[in-house]
Amino acid sequence: MAASTITYTENPVSALGVVVFLLLFYLGVRGRIRYMRTLERGTHALYATDFEARIPLKYNNELSTMAAALNDMAEQIVASRSKEKDFLLNISHDLRTPLTSIMGFLSLLKEKSYDNEPEKERYIEVLEERTGYLKKLIDEFFEISQLKWKPAVLNKSRVNMQELLRQVVEGYHPQSKDRRIETVLLLPDQSVHVEIDADLFVRVLENLLSNAFKYSRADTELTIRLREPVAENRRQCLLQLELWSTPAQTMESGELNRLFDRFYKGDSSRTGEGAGLGLSIAAEIIRLHGGRLDAQIEGERLGMMIELFMEK
C-alpha cells in the first residue's frame, strides 16, 4: 500500500499579509512600550523630587489616563502639605497669643506689680479667661484630629428634629438678646425623625449658631429653616436644614469653598481668637453621617446648608 503524501503550498499573498500584520503590530505597540518606559521613569521622578515632578502626557489612551491620575495624586499631596503648613502656622499663632498674655499677667502677679487688691483680682480674671480660651483651642484641635484620623463610631438613635432644634436654639436666647438678633425658627408641621448621633449633631448646631451670633451684624435676623424631606429614590429622602445670617463683614464668594477647610483662616478673621476649626468640625461630623455642609451667599445673607439622607 502506497504511503500518502501531504503537500504544503506556500501562498505569497498570505505570507505578505502576515508580515504586514506583524509590522503594523510592532509600529502600534512601539509607542506604547516607549511610553510605558516614560511612565516608569516618571513614577520614579515623582518620588525622587518629593512629588514636584510631573509625567508628560503624550497619548490619549489608558496609559496617559494612568499618568494623569498619578499627576493629580502628586498635586493633591503637594496641596495637602501646603495646607498642613498653613494650619501649623495658624494654630501656632493662635496658641502663642493667649500664652503670651498669660505669661505677661503671671509675671505682673509674681512681681506684685499692682496697686491694689481690685487690680490684682482683675489680673486673675484675665488669666482665667485667657486660660479658658487656650483650653478651647486645644480641645478643638484634638476634636478635629479625632474626627479626621480616628475611625469614628456613631451612636445613632431616632431623633425628632423639631424638638432637637427647639432645645438647642432656646439655649442661645441670651446671645440673641445680647446681640439684638431676632431668631426665627421655621419647622414643618409634620414631625421629622432621622437616625443621627444626637450628641454630635448638637455639636454641629452649636458651632453654626455660635458662629452666627458671634459674626452677625447686630439688629438683624437669624433664620433656621428645616425643610420637608424630599424623596430621592424608593428608599431614601433628602433632609435639608438651613441657617441664614447677616455677617458684619462682607464675604467674598471665593471664600465659600474654603470656609470648612480646617487649614484655612481668612485674613479678616485673624483677630487673635478662634482657630478656624468650628466649621470644619461641623462639616466633618456631617460627612460622617453621609451628608454634606455647604455655604451660600444671597445678597448680604450667608446661608449654611446641611443635607442629610434619611431612610423612608
C-alpha atoms as a PDB file:
ATOM      1  CA  MET A   1       0.000   0.000   0.000  1.00  0.00           C
ATOM      2  CA  ALA A   2       1.461   3.300  -1.098  1.00  0.00           C
ATOM      3  CA  ALA A   3       2.157   5.939   1.573  1.00  0.00           C
ATOM      4  CA  SER A   4       0.039   9.073   1.294  1.00  0.00           C
ATOM      5  CA  THR A   5       1.878  12.366   0.879  1.00  0.00           C
ATOM      6  CA  ILE A   6       0.684  15.777   2.113  1.00  0.00           C
ATOM      7  CA  THR A   7       1.970  18.704   0.129  1.00  0.00           C
ATOM      8  CA  TYR A   8       2.100  22.261   1.618  1.00  0.00           C
ATOM      9  CA  THR A   9       1.842  25.016  -0.909  1.00  0.00           C
ATOM     10  CA  GLU A  10       3.118  28.456   0.080  1.00  0.00           C
ATOM     11  CA  ASN A  11       0.821  31.375  -0.696  1.00  0.00           C
ATOM     12  CA  PRO A  12       2.895  34.533  -1.256  1.00  0.00           C
ATOM     13  CA  VAL A  13      -0.114  36.750  -0.567  1.00  0.00           C
ATOM     14  CA  SER A  14      -0.771  35.122   2.818  1.00  0.00           C
ATOM     15  CA  ALA A  15       2.872  35.384   3.818  1.00  0.00           C
ATOM     16  CA  LEU A  16       2.925  39.036   2.863  1.00  0.00           C
ATOM     17  CA  GLY A  17      -0.211  39.619   4.922  1.00  0.00           C
ATOM     18  CA  VAL A  18       1.429  38.099   7.975  1.00  0.00           C
ATOM     19  CA  VAL A  19       4.496  40.292   7.516  1.00  0.00           C
ATOM     20  CA  VAL A  20       2.362  43.413   7.118  1.00  0.00           C
ATOM     21  CA  PHE A  21       0.337  42.484  10.205  1.00  0.00           C
ATOM     22  CA  LEU A  22       3.474  41.969  12.297  1.00  0.00           C
ATOM     23  CA  LEU A  23       4.922  45.246  11.057  1.00  0.00           C
ATOM     24  CA  LEU A  24       1.772  47.187  11.868  1.00  0.00           C
ATOM     25  CA  PHE A  25       1.536  45.481  15.244  1.00  0.00           C
ATOM     26  CA  TYR A  26       5.131  46.444  16.037  1.00  0.00           C
ATOM     27  CA  LEU A  27       4.594  50.030  14.949  1.00  0.00           C
ATOM     28  CA  GLY A  28       1.408  50.189  17.012  1.00  0.00           C
ATOM     29  CA  VAL A  29       2.890  48.859  20.227  1.00  0.00           C
ATOM     30  CA  ARG A  30       6.296  50.500  19.910  1.00  0.00           C
ATOM     31  CA  GLY A  31       4.895  53.845  21.027  1.00  0.00           C
ATOM     32  CA  ARG A  32       3.117  52.234  23.938  1.00  0.00           C
ATOM     33  CA  ILE A  33       6.253  50.391  25.002  1.00  0.00           C
ATOM     34  CA  ARG A  34       8.239  53.623  24.918  1.00  0.00           C
ATOM     35  CA  TYR A  35       5.529  55.448  26.865  1.00  0.00           C
ATOM     36  CA  MET A  36       5.442  52.654  29.440  1.00  0.00           C
ATOM     37  CA  ARG A  37       9.148  53.301  29.989  1.00  0.00           C
ATOM     38  CA  THR A  38       8.399  57.034  30.250  1.00  0.00           C
ATOM     39  CA  LEU A  39       5.688  56.209  32.759  1.00  0.00           C
ATOM     40  CA  GLU A  40       8.110  54.121  34.796  1.00  0.00           C
ATOM     41  CA  ARG A  41      10.758  56.866  34.800  1.00  0.00           C
ATOM     42  CA  GLY A  42       8.121  59.471  35.634  1.00  0.00           C
ATOM     43  CA  THR A  43       6.905  57.453  38.618  1.00  0.00           C
ATOM     44  CA  HIS A  44      10.434  57.266  39.990  1.00  0.00           C
ATOM     45  CA  ALA A  45      10.832  61.009  39.356  1.00  0.00           C
ATOM     46  CA  LEU A  46       7.726  61.751  41.423  1.00  0.00           C
ATOM     47  CA  TYR A  47       9.253  60.129  44.476  1.00  0.00           C
ATOM     48  CA  ALA A  48      12.754  61.458  43.774  1.00  0.00           C
ATOM     49  CA  THR A  49      11.524  65.082  43.594  1.00  0.00           C
ATOM     50  CA  ASP A  50       9.128  64.804  46.554  1.00  0.00           C
ATOM     51  CA  PHE A  51       6.140  64.843  44.162  1.00  0.00           C
ATOM     52  CA  GLU A  52       7.195  68.079  42.436  1.00  0.00           C
ATOM     53  CA  ALA A  53       7.893  66.442  39.037  1.00  0.00           C
ATOM     54  CA  ARG A  54       5.126  65.605  36.541  1.00  0.00           C
ATOM     55  CA  ILE A  55       4.765  62.799  33.990  1.00  0.00           C
ATOM     56  CA  PRO A  56       4.396  64.072  30.378  1.00  0.00           C
ATOM     57  CA  LEU A  57       1.069  63.251  28.710  1.00  0.00           C
ATOM     58  CA  LYS A  58       1.574  62.121  25.099  1.00  0.00           C
ATOM     59  CA  TYR A  59      -1.252  59.777  24.130  1.00  0.00           C
ATOM     60  CA  ASN A  60      -4.981  59.588  24.562  1.00  0.00           C
ATOM     61  CA  ASN A  61      -5.265  56.082  25.962  1.00  0.00           C
ATOM     62  CA  GLU A  62      -5.328  54.164  29.225  1.00  0.00           C
ATOM     63  CA  LEU A  63      -1.604  54.768  29.809  1.00  0.00           C
ATOM     64  CA  SER A  64      -1.963  58.540  29.604  1.00  0.00           C
ATOM     65  CA  THR A  65      -5.030  58.265  31.843  1.00  0.00           C
ATOM     66  CA  MET A  66      -2.867  56.489  34.405  1.00  0.00           C
ATOM     67  CA  ALA A  67      -0.186  59.182  34.057  1.00  0.00           C
ATOM     68  CA  ALA A  68      -2.785  61.926  34.546  1.00  0.00           C
ATOM     69  CA  ALA A  69      -4.063  60.164  37.672  1.00  0.00           C
ATOM     70  CA  LEU A  70      -0.523  59.984  39.074  1.00  0.00           C
ATOM     71  CA  ASN A  71      -0.016  63.686  38.325  1.00  0.00           C
ATOM     72  CA  ASP A  72      -3.296  64.520  40.075  1.00  0.00           C
ATOM     73  CA  MET A  73      -2.225  62.460  43.079  1.00  0.00           C
ATOM     74  CA  ALA A  74       1.080  64.345  43.226  1.00  0.00           C
ATOM     75  CA  GLU A  75      -0.709  67.707  43.057  1.00  0.00           C
ATOM     76  CA  GLN A  76      -3.054  66.694  45.869  1.00  0.00           C
ATOM     77  CA  ILE A  77      -0.131  65.609  48.037  1.00  0.00           C
ATOM     78  CA  VAL A  78       1.681  68.906  47.448  1.00  0.00           C
ATOM     79  CA  ALA A  79      -1.509  70.897  48.137  1.00  0.00           C
ATOM     80  CA  SER A  80      -2.165  68.886  51.298  1.00  0.00           C
ATOM     81  CA  ARG A  81       1.319  69.606  52.586  1.00  0.00           C
ATOM     82  CA  SER A  82       0.824  73.291  51.882  1.00  0.00           C
ATOM     83  CA  LYS A  83      -2.430  73.231  53.851  1.00  0.00           C
ATOM     84  CA  GLU A  84      -0.737  71.435  56.724  1.00  0.00           C
ATOM     85  CA  LYS A  85       1.965  74.102  56.777  1.00  0.00           C
ATOM     86  CA  ASP A  86      -0.647  76.878  56.820  1.00  0.00           C
ATOM     87  CA  PHE A  87      -2.530  75.093  59.582  1.00  0.00           C
ATOM     88  CA  LEU A  88       0.567  74.762  61.756  1.00  0.00           C
ATOM     89  CA  LEU A  89       1.336  78.458  61.266  1.00  0.00           C
ATOM     90  CA  ASN A  90      -2.241  79.423  62.170  1.00  0.00           C
ATOM     91  CA  ILE A  91      -2.525  77.174  65.208  1.00  0.00           C
ATOM     92  CA  SER A  92       0.911  78.303  66.400  1.00  0.00           C
ATOM     93  CA  HIS A  93      -0.200  81.928  66.126  1.00  0.00           C
ATOM     94  CA  ASP A  94      -3.469  81.274  67.951  1.00  0.00           C
ATOM     95  CA  LEU A  95      -1.787  79.312  70.735  1.00  0.00           C
ATOM     96  CA  ARG A  96       1.019  81.826  71.156  1.00  0.00           C
ATOM     97  CA  THR A  97      -1.339  84.811  71.563  1.00  0.00           C
ATOM     98  CA  PRO A  98      -3.075  83.652  74.781  1.00  0.00           C
ATOM     99  CA  LEU A  99       0.146  82.098  76.075  1.00  0.00           C
ATOM    100  CA  THR A 100       1.947  85.440  75.756  1.00  0.00           C
ATOM    101  CA  SER A 101      -0.909  87.147  77.589  1.00  0.00           C
ATOM    102  CA  ILE A 102      -0.917  84.516  80.346  1.00  0.00           C
ATOM    103  CA  MET A 103       2.836  84.768  80.848  1.00  0.00           C
ATOM    104  CA  GLY A 104       2.630  88.567  80.991  1.00  0.00           C
ATOM    105  CA  PHE A 105      -0.039  88.645  83.693  1.00  0.00           C
ATOM    106  CA  LEU A 106       1.683  85.884  85.670  1.00  0.00           C
ATOM    107  CA  SER A 107       4.836  87.993  85.639  1.00  0.00           C
ATOM    108  CA  LEU A 108       2.891  91.013  86.916  1.00  0.00           C
ATOM    109  CA  LEU A 109       1.394  88.953  89.730  1.00  0.00           C
ATOM    110  CA  LYS A 110       4.738  87.387  90.614  1.00  0.00           C
ATOM    111  CA  GLU A 111       6.397  90.808  90.817  1.00  0.00           C
ATOM    112  CA  LYS A 112       3.353  92.224  92.638  1.00  0.00           C
ATOM    113  CA  SER A 113       3.078  94.939  90.002  1.00  0.00           C
ATOM    114  CA  TYR A 114      -0.383  96.041  91.021  1.00  0.00           C
ATOM    115  CA  ASP A 115      -1.568  98.972  93.096  1.00  0.00           C
ATOM    116  CA  ASN A 116      -4.429  97.405  94.998  1.00  0.00           C
ATOM    117  CA  GLU A 117      -6.463  94.232  95.506  1.00  0.00           C
ATOM    118  CA  PRO A 118      -9.122  95.072  92.873  1.00  0.00           C
ATOM    119  CA  GLU A 119      -6.383  95.407  90.256  1.00  0.00           C
ATOM    120  CA  LYS A 120      -4.922  92.090  91.379  1.00  0.00           C
ATOM    121  CA  GLU A 121      -8.345  90.454  91.052  1.00  0.00           C
ATOM    122  CA  ARG A 122      -8.697  91.883  87.547  1.00  0.00           C
ATOM    123  CA  TYR A 123      -5.386  90.315  86.558  1.00  0.00           C
ATOM    124  CA  ILE A 124      -6.578  86.970  87.893  1.00  0.00           C
ATOM    125  CA  GLU A 125      -9.842  87.263  85.936  1.00  0.00           C
ATOM    126  CA  VAL A 126      -7.925  87.929  82.729  1.00  0.00           C
ATOM    127  CA  LEU A 127      -5.728  84.905  83.450  1.00  0.00           C
ATOM    128  CA  GLU A 128      -8.795  82.705  83.910  1.00  0.00           C
ATOM    129  CA  GLU A 129     -10.331  83.989  80.665  1.00  0.00           C
ATOM    130  CA  ARG A 130      -7.124  83.500  78.659  1.00  0.00           C
ATOM    131  CA  THR A 131      -6.585  80.034  80.147  1.00  0.00           C
ATOM    132  CA  GLY A 132     -10.137  79.035  79.238  1.00  0.00           C
ATOM    133  CA  TYR A 133      -9.642  80.260  75.690  1.00  0.00           C
ATOM    134  CA  LEU A 134      -6.372  78.336  75.392  1.00  0.00           C
ATOM    135  CA  LYS A 135      -8.110  75.165  76.589  1.00  0.00           C
ATOM    136  CA  LYS A 136     -10.840  75.717  73.984  1.00  0.00           C
ATOM    137  CA  LEU A 137      -8.240  75.900  71.208  1.00  0.00           C
ATOM    138  CA  ILE A 138      -6.536  72.711  72.353  1.00  0.00           C
ATOM    139  CA  ASP A 139      -9.878  70.899  72.698  1.00  0.00           C
ATOM    140  CA  GLU A 140     -10.920  71.906  69.164  1.00  0.00           C
ATOM    141  CA  PHE A 141      -7.596  70.847  67.714  1.00  0.00           C
ATOM    142  CA  PHE A 142      -7.902  67.473  69.457  1.00  0.00           C
ATOM    143  CA  GLU A 143     -11.514  67.060  68.317  1.00  0.00           C
ATOM    144  CA  ILE A 144     -10.845  67.695  64.627  1.00  0.00           C
ATOM    145  CA  SER A 145      -7.853  65.339  64.799  1.00  0.00           C
ATOM    146  CA  GLN A 146     -10.030  62.609  66.306  1.00  0.00           C
ATOM    147  CA  LEU A 147     -12.802  63.081  63.751  1.00  0.00           C
ATOM    148  CA  LYS A 148     -10.453  63.174  60.781  1.00  0.00           C
ATOM    149  CA  TRP A 149      -7.950  60.439  61.543  1.00  0.00           C
ATOM    150  CA  LYS A 150      -9.523  58.099  64.102  1.00  0.00           C
ATOM    151  CA  PRO A 151     -12.217  55.651  62.896  1.00  0.00           C
ATOM    152  CA  ALA A 152     -15.488  57.144  64.099  1.00  0.00           C
ATOM    153  CA  VAL A 153     -18.236  55.140  65.766  1.00  0.00           C
ATOM    154  CA  LEU A 154     -21.560  56.959  65.551  1.00  0.00           C
ATOM    155  CA  ASN A 155     -24.017  56.342  68.376  1.00  0.00           C
ATOM    156  CA  LYS A 156     -27.155  56.768  66.283  1.00  0.00           C
ATOM    157  CA  SER A 157     -30.699  56.952  67.579  1.00  0.00           C
ATOM    158  CA  ARG A 158     -34.058  58.042  66.174  1.00  0.00           C
ATOM    159  CA  VAL A 159     -34.368  61.774  66.863  1.00  0.00           C
ATOM    160  CA  ASN A 160     -37.234  64.229  66.425  1.00  0.00           C
ATOM    161  CA  MET A 161     -35.543  67.079  64.552  1.00  0.00           C
ATOM    162  CA  GLN A 162     -38.123  69.698  65.515  1.00  0.00           C
ATOM    163  CA  GLU A 163     -37.668  69.024  69.236  1.00  0.00           C
ATOM    164  CA  LEU A 164     -33.885  68.940  68.940  1.00  0.00           C
ATOM    165  CA  LEU A 165     -33.790  72.278  67.107  1.00  0.00           C
ATOM    166  CA  ARG A 166     -36.128  73.945  69.604  1.00  0.00           C
ATOM    167  CA  GLN A 167     -33.983  72.808  72.540  1.00  0.00           C
ATOM    168  CA  VAL A 168     -30.682  73.924  71.012  1.00  0.00           C
ATOM    169  CA  VAL A 169     -31.985  77.273  69.738  1.00  0.00           C
ATOM    170  CA  GLU A 170     -33.597  78.039  73.111  1.00  0.00           C
ATOM    171  CA  GLY A 171     -30.164  77.713  74.723  1.00  0.00           C
ATOM    172  CA  TYR A 172     -28.966  80.692  72.662  1.00  0.00           C
ATOM    173  CA  HIS A 173     -31.644  83.097  73.900  1.00  0.00           C
ATOM    174  CA  PRO A 174     -29.090  85.135  75.952  1.00  0.00           C
ATOM    175  CA  GLN A 175     -26.846  85.621  72.886  1.00  0.00           C
ATOM    176  CA  SER A 176     -29.860  86.532  70.776  1.00  0.00           C
ATOM    177  CA  LYS A 177     -30.942  89.164  73.294  1.00  0.00           C
ATOM    178  CA  ASP A 178     -27.432  90.497  73.880  1.00  0.00           C
ATOM    179  CA  ARG A 179     -26.660  90.866  70.161  1.00  0.00           C
ATOM    180  CA  ARG A 180     -30.186  92.074  69.320  1.00  0.00           C
ATOM    181  CA  ILE A 181     -30.515  89.330  66.722  1.00  0.00           C
ATOM    182  CA  GLU A 182     -34.033  88.012  66.194  1.00  0.00           C
ATOM    183  CA  THR A 183     -34.102  84.229  65.877  1.00  0.00           C
ATOM    184  CA  VAL A 184     -36.750  82.817  63.535  1.00  0.00           C
ATOM    185  CA  LEU A 185     -37.305  79.053  63.607  1.00  0.00           C
ATOM    186  CA  LEU A 186     -39.269  77.641  60.647  1.00  0.00           C
ATOM    187  CA  LEU A 187     -40.308  73.993  61.026  1.00  0.00           C
ATOM    188  CA  PRO A 188     -42.550  71.606  59.047  1.00  0.00           C
ATOM    189  CA  ASP A 189     -45.943  70.825  60.577  1.00  0.00           C
ATOM    190  CA  GLN A 190     -45.334  67.086  60.319  1.00  0.00           C
ATOM    191  CA  SER A 191     -42.729  65.598  62.664  1.00  0.00           C
ATOM    192  CA  VAL A 192     -39.401  64.713  61.059  1.00  0.00           C
ATOM    193  CA  HIS A 193     -37.482  61.797  62.578  1.00  0.00           C
ATOM    194  CA  VAL A 194     -33.959  60.888  61.493  1.00  0.00           C
ATOM    195  CA  GLU A 195     -31.263  58.429  62.620  1.00  0.00           C
ATOM    196  CA  ILE A 196     -28.318  60.517  63.837  1.00  0.00           C
ATOM    197  CA  ASP A 197     -25.750  60.719  66.605  1.00  0.00           C
ATOM    198  CA  ALA A 198     -27.645  63.300  68.666  1.00  0.00           C
ATOM    199  CA  ASP A 199     -24.637  64.468  70.704  1.00  0.00           C
ATOM    200  CA  LEU A 200     -22.506  65.064  67.615  1.00  0.00           C
ATOM    201  CA  PHE A 201     -25.357  66.731  65.747  1.00  0.00           C
ATOM    202  CA  VAL A 202     -25.919  69.096  68.667  1.00  0.00           C
ATOM    203  CA  ARG A 203     -22.210  69.933  68.360  1.00  0.00           C
ATOM    204  CA  VAL A 204     -22.822  70.882  64.718  1.00  0.00           C
ATOM    205  CA  LEU A 205     -25.756  73.124  65.606  1.00  0.00           C
ATOM    206  CA  GLU A 206     -23.833  74.761  68.446  1.00  0.00           C
ATOM    207  CA  ASN A 207     -20.878  75.519  66.181  1.00  0.00           C
ATOM    208  CA  LEU A 208     -23.105  77.032  63.494  1.00  0.00           C
ATOM    209  CA  LEU A 209     -25.196  79.063  65.938  1.00  0.00           C
ATOM    210  CA  SER A 210     -22.154  80.284  67.881  1.00  0.00           C
ATOM    211  CA  ASN A 211     -20.549  81.483  64.652  1.00  0.00           C
ATOM    212  CA  ALA A 212     -23.770  83.142  63.533  1.00  0.00           C
ATOM    213  CA  PHE A 213     -24.209  85.104  66.766  1.00  0.00           C
ATOM    214  CA  LYS A 214     -20.521  85.964  67.002  1.00  0.00           C
ATOM    215  CA  TYR A 215     -20.053  87.291  63.471  1.00  0.00           C
ATOM    216  CA  SER A 216     -23.520  88.587  62.541  1.00  0.00           C
ATOM    217  CA  ARG A 217     -24.423  92.243  62.376  1.00  0.00           C
ATOM    218  CA  ALA A 218     -26.498  93.498  65.303  1.00  0.00           C
ATOM    219  CA  ASP A 219     -30.215  94.186  64.783  1.00  0.00           C
ATOM    220  CA  THR A 220     -30.542  91.519  62.090  1.00  0.00           C
ATOM    221  CA  GLU A 221     -32.376  88.213  61.772  1.00  0.00           C
ATOM    222  CA  LEU A 222     -31.097  84.656  62.105  1.00  0.00           C
ATOM    223  CA  THR A 223     -33.351  82.233  60.239  1.00  0.00           C
ATOM    224  CA  ILE A 224     -33.238  78.490  60.913  1.00  0.00           C
ATOM    225  CA  ARG A 225     -35.361  76.536  58.434  1.00  0.00           C
ATOM    226  CA  LEU A 226     -35.974  72.781  58.426  1.00  0.00           C
ATOM    227  CA  ARG A 227     -37.470  71.809  55.076  1.00  0.00           C
ATOM    228  CA  GLU A 228     -39.857  68.970  54.352  1.00  0.00           C
ATOM    229  CA  PRO A 229     -37.920  65.799  53.382  1.00  0.00           C
ATOM    230  CA  VAL A 230     -37.802  65.263  49.618  1.00  0.00           C
ATOM    231  CA  ALA A 231     -37.849  61.749  48.131  1.00  0.00           C
ATOM    232  CA  GLU A 232     -34.593  60.915  46.340  1.00  0.00           C
ATOM    233  CA  ASN A 233     -35.406  57.313  45.474  1.00  0.00           C
ATOM    234  CA  ARG A 234     -37.593  54.466  46.693  1.00  0.00           C
ATOM    235  CA  ARG A 235     -35.547  54.053  49.883  1.00  0.00           C
ATOM    236  CA  GLN A 236     -34.213  57.482  50.827  1.00  0.00           C
ATOM    237  CA  CYS A 237     -35.312  61.061  51.391  1.00  0.00           C
ATOM    238  CA  LEU A 238     -33.178  64.202  51.420  1.00  0.00           C
ATOM    239  CA  LEU A 239     -33.402  66.310  54.573  1.00  0.00           C
ATOM    240  CA  GLN A 240     -32.312  69.959  54.345  1.00  0.00           C
ATOM    241  CA  LEU A 241     -31.572  72.328  57.228  1.00  0.00           C
ATOM    242  CA  GLU A 242     -30.637  75.970  56.558  1.00  0.00           C
ATOM    243  CA  LEU A 243     -29.227  78.714  58.786  1.00  0.00           C
ATOM    244  CA  TRP A 244     -29.280  82.224  57.292  1.00  0.00           C
ATOM    245  CA  SER A 245     -27.486  85.145  58.947  1.00  0.00           C
ATOM    246  CA  THR A 246     -26.154  88.597  58.011  1.00  0.00           C
ATOM    247  CA  PRO A 247     -22.379  88.776  58.581  1.00  0.00           C
ATOM    248  CA  ALA A 248     -20.966  92.026  59.959  1.00  0.00           C
ATOM    249  CA  GLN A 249     -18.217  91.889  57.325  1.00  0.00           C
ATOM    250  CA  THR A 250     -18.879  91.341  53.637  1.00  0.00           C
ATOM    251  CA  MET A 251     -17.770  87.906  52.482  1.00  0.00           C
ATOM    252  CA  GLU A 252     -16.412  87.249  49.011  1.00  0.00           C
ATOM    253  CA  SER A 253     -17.952  84.357  47.092  1.00  0.00           C
ATOM    254  CA  GLY A 254     -14.472  82.921  46.566  1.00  0.00           C
ATOM    255  CA  GLU A 255     -14.164  82.316  50.316  1.00  0.00           C
ATOM    256  CA  LEU A 256     -17.151  79.962  50.438  1.00  0.00           C
ATOM    257  CA  ASN A 257     -15.284  76.918  49.117  1.00  0.00           C
ATOM    258  CA  ARG A 258     -12.682  77.228  51.880  1.00  0.00           C
ATOM    259  CA  LEU A 259     -14.902  78.081  54.849  1.00  0.00           C
ATOM    260  CA  PHE A 260     -14.935  74.469  56.037  1.00  0.00           C
ATOM    261  CA  ASP A 261     -11.261  73.825  55.347  1.00  0.00           C
ATOM    262  CA  ARG A 262      -9.657  73.048  58.711  1.00  0.00           C
ATOM    263  CA  PHE A 263      -6.404  74.558  57.426  1.00  0.00           C
ATOM    264  CA  TYR A 264      -7.955  77.824  56.262  1.00  0.00           C
ATOM    265  CA  LYS A 265      -8.486  81.042  58.102  1.00  0.00           C
ATOM    266  CA  GLY A 266      -9.250  84.229  56.224  1.00  0.00           C
ATOM    267  CA  ASP A 267      -7.139  87.301  56.878  1.00  0.00           C
ATOM    268  CA  SER A 268     -10.173  89.232  58.092  1.00  0.00           C
ATOM    269  CA  SER A 269     -10.690  86.733  60.901  1.00  0.00           C
ATOM    270  CA  ARG A 270      -7.156  86.794  62.262  1.00  0.00           C
ATOM    271  CA  THR A 271      -8.009  88.773  65.385  1.00  0.00           C
ATOM    272  CA  GLY A 272      -6.252  86.511  67.860  1.00  0.00           C
ATOM    273  CA  GLU A 273      -9.357  84.492  68.679  1.00  0.00           C
ATOM    274  CA  GLY A 274     -10.626  81.275  67.177  1.00  0.00           C
ATOM    275  CA  ALA A 275      -8.616  78.626  65.384  1.00  0.00           C
ATOM    276  CA  GLY A 276     -10.959  78.422  62.412  1.00  0.00           C
ATOM    277  CA  LEU A 277     -11.866  74.875  63.456  1.00  0.00           C
ATOM    278  CA  GLY A 278     -15.531  75.180  64.435  1.00  0.00           C
ATOM    279  CA  LEU A 279     -16.933  74.972  60.908  1.00  0.00           C
ATOM    280  CA  SER A 280     -14.501  72.253  59.858  1.00  0.00           C
ATOM    281  CA  ILE A 281     -15.563  70.180  62.884  1.00  0.00           C
ATOM    282  CA  ALA A 282     -19.215  70.644  61.896  1.00  0.00           C
ATOM    283  CA  ALA A 283     -18.501  69.685  58.278  1.00  0.00           C
ATOM    284  CA  GLU A 284     -16.594  66.578  59.350  1.00  0.00           C
ATOM    285  CA  ILE A 285     -19.447  65.424  61.611  1.00  0.00           C
ATOM    286  CA  ILE A 286     -21.976  65.859  58.794  1.00  0.00           C
ATOM    287  CA  ARG A 287     -19.654  63.962  56.436  1.00  0.00           C
ATOM    288  CA  LEU A 288     -19.515  61.080  58.921  1.00  0.00           C
ATOM    289  CA  HIS A 289     -23.326  60.985  58.747  1.00  0.00           C
ATOM    290  CA  GLY A 290     -23.135  60.601  54.968  1.00  0.00           C
ATOM    291  CA  GLY A 291     -24.287  64.174  54.340  1.00  0.00           C
ATOM    292  CA  ARG A 292     -22.729  67.481  53.401  1.00  0.00           C
ATOM    293  CA  LEU A 293     -22.414  71.009  54.769  1.00  0.00           C
ATOM    294  CA  ASP A 294     -22.197  73.866  52.258  1.00  0.00           C
ATOM    295  CA  ALA A 295     -22.350  77.653  52.292  1.00  0.00           C
ATOM    296  CA  GLN A 296     -24.226  80.063  50.021  1.00  0.00           C
ATOM    297  CA  ILE A 297     -24.461  83.834  49.661  1.00  0.00           C
ATOM    298  CA  GLU A 298     -27.663  85.641  48.699  1.00  0.00           C
ATOM    299  CA  GLY A 299     -27.186  89.396  48.785  1.00  0.00           C
ATOM    300  CA  GLU A 300     -25.916  90.232  52.271  1.00  0.00           C
ATOM    301  CA  ARG A 301     -27.116  86.938  53.718  1.00  0.00           C
ATOM    302  CA  LEU A 302     -24.884  83.948  54.406  1.00  0.00           C
ATOM    303  CA  GLY A 303     -26.513  80.525  54.424  1.00  0.00           C
ATOM    304  CA  MET A 304     -25.207  77.325  55.997  1.00  0.00           C
ATOM    305  CA  MET A 305     -26.870  74.365  54.297  1.00  0.00           C
ATOM    306  CA  ILE A 306     -26.973  70.875  55.828  1.00  0.00           C
ATOM    307  CA  GLU A 307     -28.087  67.964  53.660  1.00  0.00           C
ATOM    308  CA  LEU A 308     -28.722  64.530  55.164  1.00  0.00           C
ATOM    309  CA  PHE A 309     -30.108  61.358  53.636  1.00  0.00           C
ATOM    310  CA  MET A 310     -32.714  59.527  55.701  1.00  0.00           C
ATOM    311  CA  GLU A 311     -34.486  56.223  55.246  1.00  0.00           C
ATOM    312  CA  LYS A 312     -38.172  56.381  54.318  1.00  0.00           C
END
